[in-house]
C-alpha atoms as a PDB file:
ATOM      1  CA  MET A   1      -5.089  -0.183 -12.549  1.00  0.00           C
ATOM      2  CA  THR A   2      -5.341  -3.869 -11.926  1.00  0.00           C
ATOM      3  CA  ASP A   3      -4.725  -5.945  -8.854  1.00  0.00           C
ATOM      4  CA  THR A   4      -2.221  -8.498 -10.074  1.00  0.00           C
ATOM      5  CA  ASN A   5      -0.635  -9.303  -6.731  1.00  0.00           C
ATOM      6  CA  PRO A   6      -2.203 -12.065  -4.685  1.00  0.00           C
ATOM      7  CA  THR A   7      -3.635 -11.045  -1.346  1.00  0.00           C
ATOM      8  CA  ILE A   8      -2.586 -12.677   1.891  1.00  0.00           C
ATOM      9  CA  ASN A   9      -5.881 -14.569   1.853  1.00  0.00           C
ATOM     10  CA  ASP A  10      -5.124 -15.799  -1.685  1.00  0.00           C
ATOM     11  CA  VAL A  11      -1.805 -17.215  -0.520  1.00  0.00           C
ATOM     12  CA  VAL A  12      -2.924 -18.667   2.818  1.00  0.00           C
ATOM     13  CA  ARG A  13      -5.887 -20.349   1.150  1.00  0.00           C
ATOM     14  CA  HIS A  14      -3.393 -22.803  -0.383  1.00  0.00           C
ATOM     15  CA  VAL A  15      -2.117 -23.968   3.027  1.00  0.00           C
ATOM     16  CA  GLU A  16      -3.790 -27.276   3.743  1.00  0.00           C
ATOM     17  CA  GLY A  17      -4.863 -28.632   7.109  1.00  0.00           C
ATOM     18  CA  LEU A  18      -5.454 -25.346   8.927  1.00  0.00           C
ATOM     19  CA  THR A  19      -8.340 -24.992  11.302  1.00  0.00           C
ATOM     20  CA  GLU A  20     -10.426 -21.838  10.930  1.00  0.00           C
ATOM     21  CA  GLU A  21      -8.741 -20.449  14.046  1.00  0.00           C
ATOM     22  CA  GLN A  22      -5.256 -21.192  12.688  1.00  0.00           C
ATOM     23  CA  TYR A  23      -6.185 -19.669   9.333  1.00  0.00           C
ATOM     24  CA  THR A  24      -7.478 -16.500  10.993  1.00  0.00           C
ATOM     25  CA  HIS A  25      -4.391 -16.255  13.215  1.00  0.00           C
ATOM     26  CA  LEU A  26      -1.998 -16.770  10.288  1.00  0.00           C
ATOM     27  CA  VAL A  27      -3.740 -14.168   8.127  1.00  0.00           C
ATOM     28  CA  GLY A  28      -3.740 -11.715  11.044  1.00  0.00           C
ATOM     29  CA  ALA A  29      -0.044 -12.265  11.744  1.00  0.00           C
ATOM     30  CA  LEU A  30       0.869 -11.771   8.088  1.00  0.00           C
ATOM     31  CA  ILE A  31      -1.205  -8.588   7.848  1.00  0.00           C
ATOM     32  CA  GLU A  32       0.486  -7.259  10.998  1.00  0.00           C
ATOM     33  CA  ARG A  33       3.865  -8.001   9.420  1.00  0.00           C
ATOM     34  CA  GLU A  34       2.949  -6.205   6.202  1.00  0.00           C
ATOM     35  CA  GLU A  35       1.615  -3.226   8.141  1.00  0.00           C
ATOM     36  CA  ALA A  36       4.961  -2.973   9.983  1.00  0.00           C
ATOM     37  CA  LEU A  37       6.800  -3.214   6.656  1.00  0.00           C
ATOM     38  CA  LYS A  38       4.576  -0.475   5.185  1.00  0.00           C
ATOM     39  CA  GLU A  39       5.449   1.785   8.092  1.00  0.00           C
ATOM     40  CA  GLN A  40       9.176   1.112   7.734  1.00  0.00           C
ATOM     41  CA  LEU A  41       9.076   1.663   3.965  1.00  0.00           C
ATOM     42  CA  GLY A  42       7.197   4.924   4.491  1.00  0.00           C
ATOM     43  CA  MET A  43       9.821   6.125   6.972  1.00  0.00           C
ATOM     44  CA  ALA A  44      12.646   5.064   4.650  1.00  0.00           C
ATOM     45  CA  GLY A  45      10.954   6.936   1.813  1.00  0.00           C
ATOM     46  CA  MET A  46      10.839  10.118   3.877  1.00  0.00           C
ATOM     47  CA  GLN A  47      14.491   9.726   4.857  1.00  0.00           C
ATOM     48  CA  PHE A  48      15.424   9.506   1.185  1.00  0.00           C
ATOM     49  CA  GLY A  49      13.270  12.481   0.230  1.00  0.00           C
ATOM     50  CA  LEU A  50      10.388  10.631  -1.406  1.00  0.00           C
ATOM     51  CA  PHE A  51       6.947  12.172  -1.257  1.00  0.00           C
ATOM     52  CA  PRO A  52       4.747  10.216   1.169  1.00  0.00           C
ATOM     53  CA  GLN A  53       1.920  10.363  -1.391  1.00  0.00           C
ATOM     54  CA  ILE A  54       4.047   8.401  -3.857  1.00  0.00           C
ATOM     55  CA  VAL A  55       5.062   5.807  -1.284  1.00  0.00           C
ATOM     56  CA  ALA A  56       1.450   5.409  -0.136  1.00  0.00           C
ATOM     57  CA  GLU A  57       0.235   5.021  -3.727  1.00  0.00           C
ATOM     58  CA  VAL A  58       2.822   2.365  -4.552  1.00  0.00           C
ATOM     59  CA  LEU A  59       2.067   0.392  -1.392  1.00  0.00           C
ATOM     60  CA  ALA A  60      -1.669   0.657  -2.033  1.00  0.00           C
ATOM     61  CA  GLU A  61      -1.221  -0.358  -5.649  1.00  0.00           C
ATOM     62  CA  ILE A  62       0.620  -3.532  -4.708  1.00  0.00           C
ATOM     63  CA  GLY A  63      -1.910  -4.240  -1.960  1.00  0.00           C
ATOM     64  CA  MET A  64       0.504  -4.368   0.927  1.00  0.00           C
ATOM     65  CA  GLY A  65      -0.920  -4.533   4.417  1.00  0.00           C
ATOM     66  CA  ALA A  66      -4.472  -4.633   5.638  1.00  0.00           C
ATOM     67  CA  PRO A  67      -7.165  -4.516   2.977  1.00  0.00           C
ATOM     68  CA  MET A  68      -8.389  -0.969   2.326  1.00  0.00           C
ATOM     69  CA  THR A  69     -11.890   0.266   1.961  1.00  0.00           C
ATOM     70  CA  ASP A  70     -12.819   1.852  -1.347  1.00  0.00           C
ATOM     71  CA  GLU A  71     -12.849   5.213   0.432  1.00  0.00           C
ATOM     72  CA  GLN A  72      -9.324   4.765   1.816  1.00  0.00           C
ATOM     73  CA  ARG A  73      -8.020   3.731  -1.596  1.00  0.00           C
ATOM     74  CA  ALA A  74      -9.749   6.674  -3.275  1.00  0.00           C
ATOM     75  CA  PHE A  75      -8.234   9.078  -0.727  1.00  0.00           C
ATOM     76  CA  ILE A  76      -4.694   7.780  -1.317  1.00  0.00           C
ATOM     77  CA  ARG A  77      -5.194   7.927  -5.078  1.00  0.00           C
ATOM     78  CA  ALA A  78      -6.576  11.484  -4.898  1.00  0.00           C
ATOM     79  CA  GLN A  79      -3.584  12.622  -2.812  1.00  0.00           C
ATOM     80  CA  TYR A  80      -1.206  11.057  -5.326  1.00  0.00           C
ATOM     81  CA  VAL A  81      -2.963  12.616  -8.323  1.00  0.00           C
ATOM     82  CA  ALA A  82      -2.989  16.033  -6.637  1.00  0.00           C
ATOM     83  CA  LEU A  83       0.751  15.782  -6.016  1.00  0.00           C
ATOM     84  CA  MET A  84       1.480  14.731  -9.594  1.00  0.00           C
ATOM     85  CA  GLU A  85      -0.617  17.622 -10.909  1.00  0.00           C
ATOM     86  CA  ALA A  86       1.195  20.070  -8.615  1.00  0.00           C
ATOM     87  CA  ILE A  87       4.582  18.791  -9.783  1.00  0.00           C
ATOM     88  CA  GLU A  88       3.489  19.073 -13.407  1.00  0.00           C
ATOM     89  CA  ARG A  89       2.301  22.665 -12.891  1.00  0.00           C
ATOM     90  CA  GLN A  90       5.551  23.508 -11.153  1.00  0.00           C
ATOM     91  CA  GLN A  91       7.625  22.050 -13.989  1.00  0.00           C
ATOM     92  CA  ARG A  92       5.608  23.923 -16.633  1.00  0.00           C
ATOM     93  CA  SER A  93       6.135  27.200 -14.835  1.00  0.00           C
ATOM     94  CA  GLY A  94       9.874  26.596 -14.638  1.00  0.00           C
ATOM     95  CA  GLY A  95       9.973  25.902 -10.920  1.00  0.00           C
ATOM     96  CA  VAL A  96      11.831  22.996  -9.454  1.00  0.00           C
END
């Protein structure tokens, strides 16, 4: 999977005339906003019956919110893969 979406830092880097403090504050504010959006999207997903593993994988794939460590990303991916494998096994056995 490839990271095709620009990060917050990629976008803010194009804003001219910012001091280092302003840059840091702007990046922090935008990350906080994305983190709040991630939480709201996760809750909406649960309300509509989506598996949290799928929502987490999609949000991680698009790079929304605070940057993840490799370990965090691997954990989310592993949870998603495990769910997909469980669904596949269930479908093969005729379960719903």
